PDB file of all heavy atoms in Angstrom:
ATOM      1  N   ASP A   1      -6.997  -5.791   8.005  1.00  0.00           N
ATOM      2  CA  ASP A   1      -7.607  -6.316   6.721  1.00  0.00           C
ATOM      3  C   ASP A   1      -6.523  -6.368   5.690  1.00  0.00           C
ATOM      4  O   ASP A   1      -6.511  -7.432   4.955  1.00  0.00           O
ATOM      5  CB  ASP A   1      -8.716  -5.409   6.233  1.00  0.00           C
ATOM      6  CG  ASP A   1      -9.960  -5.458   7.129  1.00  0.00           C
ATOM      7  OD1 ASP A   1     -10.081  -6.403   7.858  1.00  0.00           O
ATOM      8  OD2 ASP A   1     -10.676  -4.517   7.117  1.00  0.00           O
ATOM      9  N   LEU A   2      -5.680  -5.319   5.524  1.00  0.00           N
ATOM     10  CA  LEU A   2      -4.586  -5.362   4.441  1.00  0.00           C
ATOM     11  C   LEU A   2      -3.610  -6.395   4.747  1.00  0.00           C
ATOM     12  O   LEU A   2      -3.084  -7.063   3.855  1.00  0.00           O
ATOM     13  CB  LEU A   2      -4.037  -3.922   4.272  1.00  0.00           C
ATOM     14  CG  LEU A   2      -3.082  -3.770   3.110  1.00  0.00           C
ATOM     15  CD1 LEU A   2      -3.752  -4.079   1.790  1.00  0.00           C
ATOM     16  CD2 LEU A   2      -2.549  -2.410   3.147  1.00  0.00           C
ATOM     17  N   LEU A   3      -3.217  -6.562   6.032  1.00  0.00           N
ATOM     18  CA  LEU A   3      -2.176  -7.597   6.334  1.00  0.00           C
ATOM     19  C   LEU A   3      -2.691  -9.004   6.014  1.00  0.00           C
ATOM     20  O   LEU A   3      -1.795  -9.821   5.613  1.00  0.00           O
ATOM     21  CB  LEU A   3      -1.779  -7.481   7.821  1.00  0.00           C
ATOM     22  CG  LEU A   3      -0.877  -6.218   8.189  1.00  0.00           C
ATOM     23  CD1 LEU A   3      -0.664  -6.200   9.730  1.00  0.00           C
ATOM     24  CD2 LEU A   3       0.427  -6.442   7.449  1.00  0.00           C
ATOM     25  N   SER A   4      -3.912  -9.165   6.132  1.00  0.00           N
ATOM     26  CA  SER A   4      -4.429 -10.536   5.777  1.00  0.00           C
ATOM     27  C   SER A   4      -4.390 -10.740   4.232  1.00  0.00           C
ATOM     28  O   SER A   4      -4.261 -11.871   3.827  1.00  0.00           O
ATOM     29  CB  SER A   4      -5.898 -10.816   6.374  1.00  0.00           C
ATOM     30  OG  SER A   4      -6.720  -9.922   5.634  1.00  0.00           O
ATOM     31  N   LEU A   5      -4.415  -9.625   3.465  1.00  0.00           N
ATOM     32  CA  LEU A   5      -4.393  -9.858   2.038  1.00  0.00           C
ATOM     33  C   LEU A   5      -2.909  -9.814   1.553  1.00  0.00           C
ATOM     34  O   LEU A   5      -2.647 -10.331   0.521  1.00  0.00           O
ATOM     35  CB  LEU A   5      -5.115  -8.629   1.391  1.00  0.00           C
ATOM     36  CG  LEU A   5      -6.655  -8.599   1.596  1.00  0.00           C
ATOM     37  CD1 LEU A   5      -7.187  -7.339   1.042  1.00  0.00           C
ATOM     38  CD2 LEU A   5      -7.309  -9.819   0.901  1.00  0.00           C
ATOM     39  N   ALA A   6      -2.085  -9.084   2.248  1.00  0.00           N
ATOM     40  CA  ALA A   6      -0.668  -8.904   1.750  1.00  0.00           C
ATOM     41  C   ALA A   6       0.393  -9.361   2.843  1.00  0.00           C
ATOM     42  O   ALA A   6       0.555  -8.517   3.739  1.00  0.00           O
ATOM     43  CB  ALA A   6      -0.448  -7.408   1.379  1.00  0.00           C
ATOM     44  N   PRO A   7       0.911 -10.506   2.736  1.00  0.00           N
ATOM     45  CA  PRO A   7       1.846 -10.873   3.695  1.00  0.00           C
ATOM     46  C   PRO A   7       3.115  -9.959   3.570  1.00  0.00           C
ATOM     47  O   PRO A   7       3.264  -9.179   2.663  1.00  0.00           O
ATOM     48  CB  PRO A   7       2.250 -12.304   3.275  1.00  0.00           C
ATOM     49  CG  PRO A   7       1.383 -12.642   2.180  1.00  0.00           C
ATOM     50  CD  PRO A   7       0.668 -11.496   1.734  1.00  0.00           C
ATOM     51  N   LEU A   8       4.003 -10.018   4.562  1.00  0.00           N
ATOM     52  CA  LEU A   8       5.216  -9.331   4.543  1.00  0.00           C
ATOM     53  C   LEU A   8       6.007  -9.600   3.244  1.00  0.00           C
ATOM     54  O   LEU A   8       5.939 -10.681   2.729  1.00  0.00           O
ATOM     55  CB  LEU A   8       6.096  -9.686   5.752  1.00  0.00           C
ATOM     56  CG  LEU A   8       5.616  -9.236   7.074  1.00  0.00           C
ATOM     57  CD1 LEU A   8       6.513  -9.696   8.184  1.00  0.00           C
ATOM     58  CD2 LEU A   8       5.275  -7.810   7.252  1.00  0.00           C
ATOM     59  N   ASN A   9       6.735  -8.585   2.791  1.00  0.00           N
ATOM     60  CA  ASN A   9       7.513  -8.715   1.585  1.00  0.00           C
ATOM     61  C   ASN A   9       6.613  -8.833   0.303  1.00  0.00           C
ATOM     62  O   ASN A   9       7.044  -9.434  -0.662  1.00  0.00           O
ATOM     63  CB  ASN A   9       8.486  -9.832   1.613  1.00  0.00           C
ATOM     64  CG  ASN A   9       9.524  -9.644   2.749  1.00  0.00           C
ATOM     65  OD1 ASN A   9      10.051  -8.504   2.944  1.00  0.00           O
ATOM     66  ND2 ASN A   9       9.850 -10.707   3.497  1.00  0.00           N
ATOM     67  N   SER A  10       5.491  -8.235   0.326  1.00  0.00           N
ATOM     68  CA  SER A  10       4.588  -8.213  -0.774  1.00  0.00           C
ATOM     69  C   SER A  10       4.967  -6.954  -1.651  1.00  0.00           C
ATOM     70  O   SER A  10       5.415  -5.952  -1.041  1.00  0.00           O
ATOM     71  CB  SER A  10       3.171  -8.087  -0.403  1.00  0.00           C
ATOM     72  OG  SER A  10       2.726  -9.215   0.348  1.00  0.00           O
ATOM     73  N   GLU A  11       4.614  -7.012  -2.868  1.00  0.00           N
ATOM     74  CA  GLU A  11       4.695  -5.819  -3.818  1.00  0.00           C
ATOM     75  C   GLU A  11       3.231  -5.346  -3.997  1.00  0.00           C
ATOM     76  O   GLU A  11       2.398  -6.104  -4.462  1.00  0.00           O
ATOM     77  CB  GLU A  11       5.281  -6.130  -5.125  1.00  0.00           C
ATOM     78  CG  GLU A  11       5.390  -4.949  -6.112  1.00  0.00           C
ATOM     79  CD  GLU A  11       5.929  -5.356  -7.345  1.00  0.00           C
ATOM     80  OE1 GLU A  11       7.048  -6.016  -7.396  1.00  0.00           O
ATOM     81  OE2 GLU A  11       5.298  -5.107  -8.458  1.00  0.00           O
ATOM     82  N   ILE A  12       3.093  -4.089  -3.515  1.00  0.00           N
ATOM     83  CA  ILE A  12       1.692  -3.551  -3.596  1.00  0.00           C
ATOM     84  C   ILE A  12       1.796  -2.357  -4.629  1.00  0.00           C
ATOM     85  O   ILE A  12       2.593  -1.583  -4.516  1.00  0.00           O
ATOM     86  CB  ILE A  12       1.279  -2.963  -2.240  1.00  0.00           C
ATOM     87  CG1 ILE A  12       1.178  -4.122  -1.232  1.00  0.00           C
ATOM     88  CG2 ILE A  12      -0.079  -2.261  -2.295  1.00  0.00           C
ATOM     89  CD1 ILE A  12       0.902  -3.734   0.138  1.00  0.00           C
ATOM     90  N   THR A  13       0.795  -2.401  -5.658  1.00  0.00           N
ATOM     91  CA  THR A  13       0.784  -1.325  -6.628  1.00  0.00           C
ATOM     92  C   THR A  13      -0.518  -0.637  -6.635  1.00  0.00           C
ATOM     93  O   THR A  13      -1.540  -1.187  -6.122  1.00  0.00           O
ATOM     94  CB  THR A  13       1.013  -1.892  -8.041  1.00  0.00           C
ATOM     95  OG1 THR A  13       0.077  -2.875  -8.333  1.00  0.00           O
ATOM     96  CG2 THR A  13       2.317  -2.545  -8.180  1.00  0.00           C
ATOM     97  N   GLY A  14      -0.495   0.634  -6.910  1.00  0.00           N
ATOM     98  CA  GLY A  14      -1.668   1.457  -6.911  1.00  0.00           C
ATOM     99  C   GLY A  14      -1.374   2.904  -7.165  1.00  0.00           C
ATOM    100  O   GLY A  14      -0.352   3.270  -7.847  1.00  0.00           O
ATOM    101  N   THR A  15      -2.120   3.798  -6.645  1.00  0.00           N
ATOM    102  CA  THR A  15      -1.977   5.264  -6.933  1.00  0.00           C
ATOM    103  C   THR A  15      -2.130   6.028  -5.647  1.00  0.00           C
ATOM    104  O   THR A  15      -3.049   5.832  -4.779  1.00  0.00           O
ATOM    105  CB  THR A  15      -3.168   5.717  -7.882  1.00  0.00           C
ATOM    106  OG1 THR A  15      -3.107   4.832  -8.977  1.00  0.00           O
ATOM    107  CG2 THR A  15      -2.977   7.137  -8.298  1.00  0.00           C
ATOM    108  N   ILE A  16      -1.186   6.926  -5.392  1.00  0.00           N
ATOM    109  CA  ILE A  16      -1.240   7.915  -4.352  1.00  0.00           C
ATOM    110  C   ILE A  16      -2.388   8.867  -4.670  1.00  0.00           C
ATOM    111  O   ILE A  16      -2.349   9.505  -5.769  1.00  0.00           O
ATOM    112  CB  ILE A  16       0.065   8.652  -4.120  1.00  0.00           C
ATOM    113  CG1 ILE A  16       1.141   7.679  -3.700  1.00  0.00           C
ATOM    114  CG2 ILE A  16      -0.060   9.770  -3.054  1.00  0.00           C
ATOM    115  CD1 ILE A  16       2.564   8.257  -3.603  1.00  0.00           C
ATOM    116  N   VAL A  17      -3.328   9.058  -3.811  1.00  0.00           N
ATOM    117  CA  VAL A  17      -4.568   9.833  -4.137  1.00  0.00           C
ATOM    118  C   VAL A  17      -4.772  11.049  -3.259  1.00  0.00           C
ATOM    119  O   VAL A  17      -5.775  11.757  -3.322  1.00  0.00           O
ATOM    120  CB  VAL A  17      -5.871   8.989  -4.163  1.00  0.00           C
ATOM    121  CG1 VAL A  17      -5.860   7.901  -5.147  1.00  0.00           C
ATOM    122  CG2 VAL A  17      -6.063   8.312  -2.804  1.00  0.00           C
ATOM    123  N   SER A  18      -3.699  11.374  -2.489  1.00  0.00           N
ATOM    124  CA  SER A  18      -3.784  12.543  -1.681  1.00  0.00           C
ATOM    125  C   SER A  18      -2.337  13.199  -1.668  1.00  0.00           C
ATOM    126  O   SER A  18      -1.354  12.502  -1.955  1.00  0.00           O
ATOM    127  CB  SER A  18      -4.269  12.338  -0.206  1.00  0.00           C
ATOM    128  OG  SER A  18      -3.366  11.603   0.490  1.00  0.00           O
ATOM    129  N   ILE A  19      -2.236  14.531  -1.370  1.00  0.00           N
ATOM    130  CA  ILE A  19      -1.035  15.121  -1.184  1.00  0.00           C
ATOM    131  C   ILE A  19      -0.362  14.674   0.086  1.00  0.00           C
ATOM    132  O   ILE A  19      -0.971  14.797   1.187  1.00  0.00           O
ATOM    133  CB  ILE A  19      -1.136  16.670  -1.268  1.00  0.00           C
ATOM    134  CG1 ILE A  19      -1.718  17.067  -2.574  1.00  0.00           C
ATOM    135  CG2 ILE A  19       0.156  17.371  -0.962  1.00  0.00           C
ATOM    136  CD1 ILE A  19      -2.093  18.504  -2.739  1.00  0.00           C
ATOM    137  N   PRO A  20       0.844  14.157   0.058  1.00  0.00           N
ATOM    138  CA  PRO A  20       1.551  13.734   1.297  1.00  0.00           C
ATOM    139  C   PRO A  20       1.605  14.854   2.363  1.00  0.00           C
ATOM    140  O   PRO A  20       1.999  16.045   1.898  1.00  0.00           O
ATOM    141  CB  PRO A  20       2.917  13.304   0.841  1.00  0.00           C
ATOM    142  CG  PRO A  20       2.704  12.807  -0.486  1.00  0.00           C
ATOM    143  CD  PRO A  20       1.571  13.812  -1.143  1.00  0.00           C
ATOM    144  N   GLN A  21       1.229  14.607   3.544  1.00  0.00           N
ATOM    145  CA  GLN A  21       1.304  15.649   4.565  1.00  0.00           C
ATOM    146  C   GLN A  21       2.316  15.247   5.660  1.00  0.00           C
ATOM    147  O   GLN A  21       2.331  14.101   6.170  1.00  0.00           O
ATOM    148  CB  GLN A  21      -0.034  15.703   5.205  1.00  0.00           C
ATOM    149  CG  GLN A  21      -1.235  16.059   4.281  1.00  0.00           C
ATOM    150  CD  GLN A  21      -1.114  17.467   3.794  1.00  0.00           C
ATOM    151  OE1 GLN A  21      -0.919  18.370   4.576  1.00  0.00           O
ATOM    152  NE2 GLN A  21      -1.340  17.636   2.514  1.00  0.00           N
ATOM    153  N   ASN A  22       3.056  16.195   6.167  1.00  0.00           N
ATOM    154  CA  ASN A  22       3.963  16.026   7.294  1.00  0.00           C
ATOM    155  C   ASN A  22       3.182  16.302   8.589  1.00  0.00           C
ATOM    156  O   ASN A  22       2.982  17.486   8.862  1.00  0.00           O
ATOM    157  CB  ASN A  22       5.126  16.937   7.273  1.00  0.00           C
ATOM    158  CG  ASN A  22       6.179  16.498   6.223  1.00  0.00           C
ATOM    159  OD1 ASN A  22       5.886  15.562   5.462  1.00  0.00           O
ATOM    160  ND2 ASN A  22       7.378  17.070   6.359  1.00  0.00           N
ATOM    161  N   GLN A  23       2.721  15.316   9.305  1.00  0.00           N
ATOM    162  CA  GLN A  23       1.990  15.478  10.550  1.00  0.00           C
ATOM    163  C   GLN A  23       2.919  15.837  11.642  1.00  0.00           C
ATOM    164  O   GLN A  23       2.540  16.521  12.647  1.00  0.00           O
ATOM    165  CB  GLN A  23       1.153  14.304  10.862  1.00  0.00           C
ATOM    166  CG  GLN A  23       0.151  13.952   9.880  1.00  0.00           C
ATOM    167  CD  GLN A  23      -0.952  15.124   9.633  1.00  0.00           C
ATOM    168  OE1 GLN A  23      -1.244  15.706  10.567  1.00  0.00           O
ATOM    169  NE2 GLN A  23      -1.353  15.218   8.449  1.00  0.00           N
ATOM    170  N   SER A  24       4.159  15.357  11.580  1.00  0.00           N
ATOM    171  CA  SER A  24       5.207  15.650  12.515  1.00  0.00           C
ATOM    172  C   SER A  24       6.529  15.506  11.718  1.00  0.00           C
ATOM    173  O   SER A  24       6.524  15.079  10.502  1.00  0.00           O
ATOM    174  CB  SER A  24       5.168  14.762  13.673  1.00  0.00           C
ATOM    175  OG  SER A  24       5.525  13.376  13.243  1.00  0.00           O
ATOM    176  N   LYS A  25       7.611  15.921  12.287  1.00  0.00           N
ATOM    177  CA  LYS A  25       8.951  15.785  11.537  1.00  0.00           C
ATOM    178  C   LYS A  25       9.381  14.352  11.321  1.00  0.00           C
ATOM    179  O   LYS A  25      10.224  14.138  10.485  1.00  0.00           O
ATOM    180  CB  LYS A  25       9.985  16.610  12.239  1.00  0.00           C
ATOM    181  CG  LYS A  25      10.386  16.045  13.579  1.00  0.00           C
ATOM    182  CD  LYS A  25      11.498  16.877  14.186  1.00  0.00           C
ATOM    183  CE  LYS A  25      11.983  16.234  15.454  1.00  0.00           C
ATOM    184  NZ  LYS A  25      13.098  17.030  16.031  1.00  0.00           N
ATOM    185  N   ASP A  26       8.727  13.389  12.012  1.00  0.00           N
ATOM    186  CA  ASP A  26       9.181  11.992  11.745  1.00  0.00           C
ATOM    187  C   ASP A  26       8.095  11.158  11.152  1.00  0.00           C
ATOM    188  O   ASP A  26       8.291   9.908  11.083  1.00  0.00           O
ATOM    189  CB  ASP A  26       9.588  11.384  13.107  1.00  0.00           C
ATOM    190  CG  ASP A  26       8.449  11.323  14.102  1.00  0.00           C
ATOM    191  OD1 ASP A  26       7.428  12.121  13.958  1.00  0.00           O
ATOM    192  OD2 ASP A  26       8.492  10.538  15.065  1.00  0.00           O
ATOM    193  N   LYS A  27       7.074  11.778  10.472  1.00  0.00           N
ATOM    194  CA  LYS A  27       6.117  10.967   9.820  1.00  0.00           C
ATOM    195  C   LYS A  27       5.377  11.751   8.659  1.00  0.00           C
ATOM    196  O   LYS A  27       5.068  12.844   8.777  1.00  0.00           O
ATOM    197  CB  LYS A  27       4.992  10.555  10.825  1.00  0.00           C
ATOM    198  CG  LYS A  27       3.989   9.501  10.207  1.00  0.00           C
ATOM    199  CD  LYS A  27       2.968   8.943  11.246  1.00  0.00           C
ATOM    200  CE  LYS A  27       2.653   9.660  12.445  1.00  0.00           C
ATOM    201  NZ  LYS A  27       1.548   8.998  13.151  1.00  0.00           N
ATOM    202  N   ILE A  28       5.238  11.054   7.482  1.00  0.00           N
ATOM    203  CA  ILE A  28       4.510  11.534   6.382  1.00  0.00           C
ATOM    204  C   ILE A  28       3.252  10.680   6.149  1.00  0.00           C
ATOM    205  O   ILE A  28       3.459   9.397   6.090  1.00  0.00           O
ATOM    206  CB  ILE A  28       5.417  11.572   5.113  1.00  0.00           C
ATOM    207  CG1 ILE A  28       6.623  12.553   5.345  1.00  0.00           C
ATOM    208  CG2 ILE A  28       4.580  12.004   3.850  1.00  0.00           C
ATOM    209  CD1 ILE A  28       7.631  12.419   4.264  1.00  0.00           C
ATOM    210  N   ASN A  29       2.099  11.242   5.993  1.00  0.00           N
ATOM    211  CA  ASN A  29       0.878  10.449   5.694  1.00  0.00           C
ATOM    212  C   ASN A  29       0.319  10.770   4.411  1.00  0.00           C
ATOM    213  O   ASN A  29       0.362  11.924   3.966  1.00  0.00           O
ATOM    214  CB  ASN A  29      -0.153  10.784   6.765  1.00  0.00           C
ATOM    215  CG  ASN A  29       0.258  10.345   8.172  1.00  0.00           C
ATOM    216  OD1 ASN A  29       0.893   9.318   8.332  1.00  0.00           O
ATOM    217  ND2 ASN A  29      -0.224  11.003   9.188  1.00  0.00           N
ATOM    218  N   PHE A  30      -0.221   9.775   3.717  1.00  0.00           N
ATOM    219  CA  PHE A  30      -0.954  10.037   2.427  1.00  0.00           C
ATOM    220  C   PHE A  30      -1.953   8.801   2.289  1.00  0.00           C
ATOM    221  O   PHE A  30      -1.808   7.756   2.816  1.00  0.00           O
ATOM    222  CB  PHE A  30      -0.121  10.151   1.236  1.00  0.00           C
ATOM    223  CG  PHE A  30       0.883   9.074   0.999  1.00  0.00           C
ATOM    224  CD1 PHE A  30       0.475   7.971   0.149  1.00  0.00           C
ATOM    225  CD2 PHE A  30       2.115   9.005   1.560  1.00  0.00           C
ATOM    226  CE1 PHE A  30       1.431   6.839  -0.060  1.00  0.00           C
ATOM    227  CE2 PHE A  30       3.046   7.978   1.338  1.00  0.00           C
ATOM    228  CZ  PHE A  30       2.656   6.885   0.550  1.00  0.00           C
ATOM    229  N   PHE A  31      -2.966   9.099   1.434  1.00  0.00           N
ATOM    230  CA  PHE A  31      -3.901   7.967   1.074  1.00  0.00           C
ATOM    231  C   PHE A  31      -3.437   7.336  -0.232  1.00  0.00           C
ATOM    232  O   PHE A  31      -3.057   7.938  -1.096  1.00  0.00           O
ATOM    233  CB  PHE A  31      -5.301   8.504   1.007  1.00  0.00           C
ATOM    234  CG  PHE A  31      -5.924   8.807   2.262  1.00  0.00           C
ATOM    235  CD1 PHE A  31      -6.004  10.087   2.751  1.00  0.00           C
ATOM    236  CD2 PHE A  31      -6.515   7.772   3.032  1.00  0.00           C
ATOM    237  CE1 PHE A  31      -6.590  10.400   3.949  1.00  0.00           C
ATOM    238  CE2 PHE A  31      -7.035   8.093   4.310  1.00  0.00           C
ATOM    239  CZ  PHE A  31      -7.062   9.405   4.699  1.00  0.00           C
ATOM    240  N   PHE A  32      -3.611   5.951  -0.346  1.00  0.00           N
ATOM    241  CA  PHE A  32      -3.216   5.243  -1.424  1.00  0.00           C
ATOM    242  C   PHE A  32      -4.259   4.238  -1.874  1.00  0.00           C
ATOM    243  O   PHE A  32      -4.818   3.530  -0.967  1.00  0.00           O
ATOM    244  CB  PHE A  32      -1.829   4.356  -0.994  1.00  0.00           C
ATOM    245  CG  PHE A  32      -1.200   3.661  -1.955  1.00  0.00           C
ATOM    246  CD1 PHE A  32      -0.419   4.266  -2.826  1.00  0.00           C
ATOM    247  CD2 PHE A  32      -1.344   2.263  -2.087  1.00  0.00           C
ATOM    248  CE1 PHE A  32       0.301   3.473  -3.875  1.00  0.00           C
ATOM    249  CE2 PHE A  32      -0.676   1.502  -3.052  1.00  0.00           C
ATOM    250  CZ  PHE A  32       0.156   2.150  -3.948  1.00  0.00           C
ATOM    251  N   ASN A  33      -4.597   4.228  -3.071  1.00  0.00           N
ATOM    252  CA  ASN A  33      -5.571   3.173  -3.658  1.00  0.00           C
ATOM    253  C   ASN A  33      -4.789   1.998  -4.105  1.00  0.00           C
ATOM    254  O   ASN A  33      -3.944   2.069  -5.062  1.00  0.00           O
ATOM    255  CB  ASN A  33      -6.364   3.749  -4.813  1.00  0.00           C
ATOM    256  CG  ASN A  33      -7.532   4.698  -4.467  1.00  0.00           C
ATOM    257  OD1 ASN A  33      -7.819   4.646  -3.224  1.00  0.00           O
ATOM    258  ND2 ASN A  33      -8.018   5.362  -5.324  1.00  0.00           N
ATOM    259  N   VAL A  34      -4.949   0.818  -3.494  1.00  0.00           N
ATOM    260  CA  VAL A  34      -4.330  -0.389  -3.788  1.00  0.00           C
ATOM    261  C   VAL A  34      -5.073  -1.059  -4.934  1.00  0.00           C
ATOM    262  O   VAL A  34      -6.228  -1.369  -4.878  1.00  0.00           O
ATOM    263  CB  VAL A  34      -4.276  -1.374  -2.629  1.00  0.00           C
ATOM    264  CG1 VAL A  34      -3.510  -2.635  -3.011  1.00  0.00           C
ATOM    265  CG2 VAL A  34      -3.533  -0.634  -1.429  1.00  0.00           C
ATOM    266  N   ASP A  35      -4.324  -1.355  -6.067  1.00  0.00           N
ATOM    267  CA  ASP A  35      -4.931  -2.079  -7.162  1.00  0.00           C
ATOM    268  C   ASP A  35      -4.495  -3.576  -7.205  1.00  0.00           C
ATOM    269  O   ASP A  35      -5.294  -4.401  -7.515  1.00  0.00           O
ATOM    270  CB  ASP A  35      -4.434  -1.390  -8.505  1.00  0.00           C
ATOM    271  CG  ASP A  35      -4.940   0.041  -8.636  1.00  0.00           C
ATOM    272  OD1 ASP A  35      -6.102   0.295  -8.143  1.00  0.00           O
ATOM    273  OD2 ASP A  35      -4.169   0.827  -9.194  1.00  0.00           O
ATOM    274  N   LYS A  36      -3.225  -3.793  -6.937  1.00  0.00           N
ATOM    275  CA  LYS A  36      -2.712  -5.249  -6.929  1.00  0.00           C
ATOM    276  C   LYS A  36      -1.804  -5.495  -5.788  1.00  0.00           C
ATOM    277  O   LYS A  36      -1.055  -4.593  -5.299  1.00  0.00           O
ATOM    278  CB  LYS A  36      -1.862  -5.455  -8.218  1.00  0.00           C
ATOM    279  CG  LYS A  36      -2.742  -5.527  -9.520  1.00  0.00           C
ATOM    280  CD  LYS A  36      -1.804  -5.751 -10.655  1.00  0.00           C
ATOM    281  CE  LYS A  36      -2.425  -5.670 -11.930  1.00  0.00           C
ATOM    282  NZ  LYS A  36      -1.573  -5.793 -13.070  1.00  0.00           N
ATOM    283  N   ILE A  37      -1.840  -6.765  -5.324  1.00  0.00           N
ATOM    284  CA  ILE A  37      -0.857  -7.295  -4.304  1.00  0.00           C
ATOM    285  C   ILE A  37      -0.183  -8.473  -4.956  1.00  0.00           C
ATOM    286  O   ILE A  37      -0.881  -9.393  -5.388  1.00  0.00           O
ATOM    287  CB  ILE A  37      -1.535  -7.537  -2.994  1.00  0.00           C
ATOM    288  CG1 ILE A  37      -2.224  -6.316  -2.425  1.00  0.00           C
ATOM    289  CG2 ILE A  37      -0.550  -8.165  -2.014  1.00  0.00           C
ATOM    290  CD1 ILE A  37      -3.148  -6.645  -1.245  1.00  0.00           C
ATOM    291  N   HIS A  38       1.179  -8.456  -4.929  1.00  0.00           N
ATOM    292  CA  HIS A  38       1.891  -9.547  -5.606  1.00  0.00           C
ATOM    293  C   HIS A  38       2.917 -10.122  -4.510  1.00  0.00           C
ATOM    294  O   HIS A  38       3.625  -9.363  -3.951  1.00  0.00           O
ATOM    295  CB  HIS A  38       2.578  -9.022  -6.802  1.00  0.00           C
ATOM    296  CG  HIS A  38       3.313 -10.224  -7.579  1.00  0.00           C
ATOM    297  ND1 HIS A  38       2.740 -11.055  -8.438  1.00  0.00           N
ATOM    298  CD2 HIS A  38       4.606 -10.542  -7.482  1.00  0.00           C
ATOM    299  CE1 HIS A  38       3.659 -11.881  -8.916  1.00  0.00           C
ATOM    300  NE2 HIS A  38       4.820 -11.589  -8.278  1.00  0.00           N
ATOM    301  N   TYR A  39       2.839 -11.444  -4.312  1.00  0.00           N
ATOM    302  CA  TYR A  39       3.793 -12.152  -3.494  1.00  0.00           C
ATOM    303  C   TYR A  39       4.028 -13.520  -3.944  1.00  0.00           C
ATOM    304  O   TYR A  39       3.051 -14.262  -4.292  1.00  0.00           O
ATOM    305  CB  TYR A  39       3.430 -12.016  -2.020  1.00  0.00           C
ATOM    306  CG  TYR A  39       2.051 -12.548  -1.731  1.00  0.00           C
ATOM    307  CD1 TYR A  39       1.841 -13.930  -1.285  1.00  0.00           C
ATOM    308  CD2 TYR A  39       0.930 -11.855  -1.864  1.00  0.00           C
ATOM    309  CE1 TYR A  39       0.674 -14.400  -1.029  1.00  0.00           C
ATOM    310  CE2 TYR A  39      -0.326 -12.404  -1.538  1.00  0.00           C
ATOM    311  CZ  TYR A  39      -0.399 -13.655  -1.185  1.00  0.00           C
ATOM    312  OH  TYR A  39      -1.629 -14.135  -0.887  1.00  0.00           O
ATOM    313  N   GLY A  40       5.286 -13.973  -4.017  1.00  0.00           N
ATOM    314  CA  GLY A  40       5.568 -15.306  -4.489  1.00  0.00           C
ATOM    315  C   GLY A  40       4.914 -15.487  -5.928  1.00  0.00           C
ATOM    316  O   GLY A  40       5.176 -14.633  -6.813  1.00  0.00           O
ATOM    317  N   ASN A  41       4.198 -16.546  -6.059  1.00  0.00           N
ATOM    318  CA  ASN A  41       3.502 -16.765  -7.356  1.00  0.00           C
ATOM    319  C   ASN A  41       2.059 -16.306  -7.377  1.00  0.00           C
ATOM    320  O   ASN A  41       1.195 -16.667  -8.310  1.00  0.00           O
ATOM    321  CB  ASN A  41       3.535 -18.248  -7.662  1.00  0.00           C
ATOM    322  CG  ASN A  41       4.937 -18.754  -8.036  1.00  0.00           C
ATOM    323  OD1 ASN A  41       5.778 -17.893  -8.529  1.00  0.00           O
ATOM    324  ND2 ASN A  41       5.183 -19.921  -7.680  1.00  0.00           N
ATOM    325  N   THR A  42       1.670 -15.517  -6.333  1.00  0.00           N
ATOM    326  CA  THR A  42       0.286 -15.079  -6.174  1.00  0.00           C
ATOM    327  C   THR A  42       0.141 -13.632  -6.520  1.00  0.00           C
ATOM    328  O   THR A  42       0.938 -12.772  -6.099  1.00  0.00           O
ATOM    329  CB  THR A  42      -0.155 -15.408  -4.729  1.00  0.00           C
ATOM    330  OG1 THR A  42      -0.031 -16.747  -4.410  1.00  0.00           O
ATOM    331  CG2 THR A  42      -1.570 -14.963  -4.551  1.00  0.00           C
ATOM    332  N   GLU A  43      -0.976 -13.306  -7.214  1.00  0.00           N
ATOM    333  CA  GLU A  43      -1.284 -11.933  -7.493  1.00  0.00           C
ATOM    334  C   GLU A  43      -2.735 -11.727  -7.195  1.00  0.00           C
ATOM    335  O   GLU A  43      -3.587 -12.523  -7.743  1.00  0.00           O
ATOM    336  CB  GLU A  43      -1.081 -11.518  -8.960  1.00  0.00           C
ATOM    337  CG  GLU A  43      -1.293 -10.030  -9.174  1.00  0.00           C
ATOM    338  CD  GLU A  43      -0.878  -9.649 -10.546  1.00  0.00           C
ATOM    339  OE1 GLU A  43       0.346  -9.288 -10.688  1.00  0.00           O
ATOM    340  OE2 GLU A  43      -1.687  -9.711 -11.468  1.00  0.00           O
ATOM    341  N   LYS A  44      -3.079 -10.748  -6.338  1.00  0.00           N
ATOM    342  CA  LYS A  44      -4.499 -10.418  -6.118  1.00  0.00           C
ATOM    343  C   LYS A  44      -4.785  -9.060  -6.648  1.00  0.00           C
ATOM    344  O   LYS A  44      -4.059  -8.114  -6.451  1.00  0.00           O
ATOM    345  CB  LYS A  44      -4.765 -10.383  -4.574  1.00  0.00           C
ATOM    346  CG  LYS A  44      -4.518 -11.699  -3.838  1.00  0.00           C
ATOM    347  CD  LYS A  44      -4.847 -11.572  -2.376  1.00  0.00           C
ATOM    348  CE  LYS A  44      -4.674 -12.952  -1.805  1.00  0.00           C
ATOM    349  NZ  LYS A  44      -4.917 -12.912  -0.327  1.00  0.00           N
ATOM    350  N   VAL A  45      -5.822  -9.004  -7.482  1.00  0.00           N
ATOM    351  CA  VAL A  45      -6.285  -7.767  -8.030  1.00  0.00           C
ATOM    352  C   VAL A  45      -7.455  -7.253  -7.181  1.00  0.00           C
ATOM    353  O   VAL A  45      -8.422  -7.970  -6.925  1.00  0.00           O
ATOM    354  CB  VAL A  45      -6.758  -7.908  -9.505  1.00  0.00           C
ATOM    355  CG1 VAL A  45      -7.305  -6.573 -10.079  1.00  0.00           C
ATOM    356  CG2 VAL A  45      -5.653  -8.479 -10.356  1.00  0.00           C
ATOM    357  N   LEU A  46      -7.392  -5.989  -6.689  1.00  0.00           N
ATOM    358  CA  LEU A  46      -8.355  -5.436  -5.749  1.00  0.00           C
ATOM    359  C   LEU A  46      -9.163  -4.325  -6.533  1.00  0.00           C
ATOM    360  O   LEU A  46      -8.648  -3.803  -7.583  1.00  0.00           O
ATOM    361  CB  LEU A  46      -7.714  -4.913  -4.546  1.00  0.00           C
ATOM    362  CG  LEU A  46      -6.843  -5.853  -3.758  1.00  0.00           C
ATOM    363  CD1 LEU A  46      -6.217  -5.208  -2.599  1.00  0.00           C
ATOM    364  CD2 LEU A  46      -7.813  -6.996  -3.232  1.00  0.00           C
TER     365      LEU A  46
END
């Protein structure tokens, strides 16, 4: 769903809403609330 809204090389703005967690030594996970997606001359407000 997000990829259909935000093509590659998009700028996505929002807020990190959880404490980042190290599930393993090679990955950090957190939840993020997306407010805007900007690419080219297009801006989508979510």
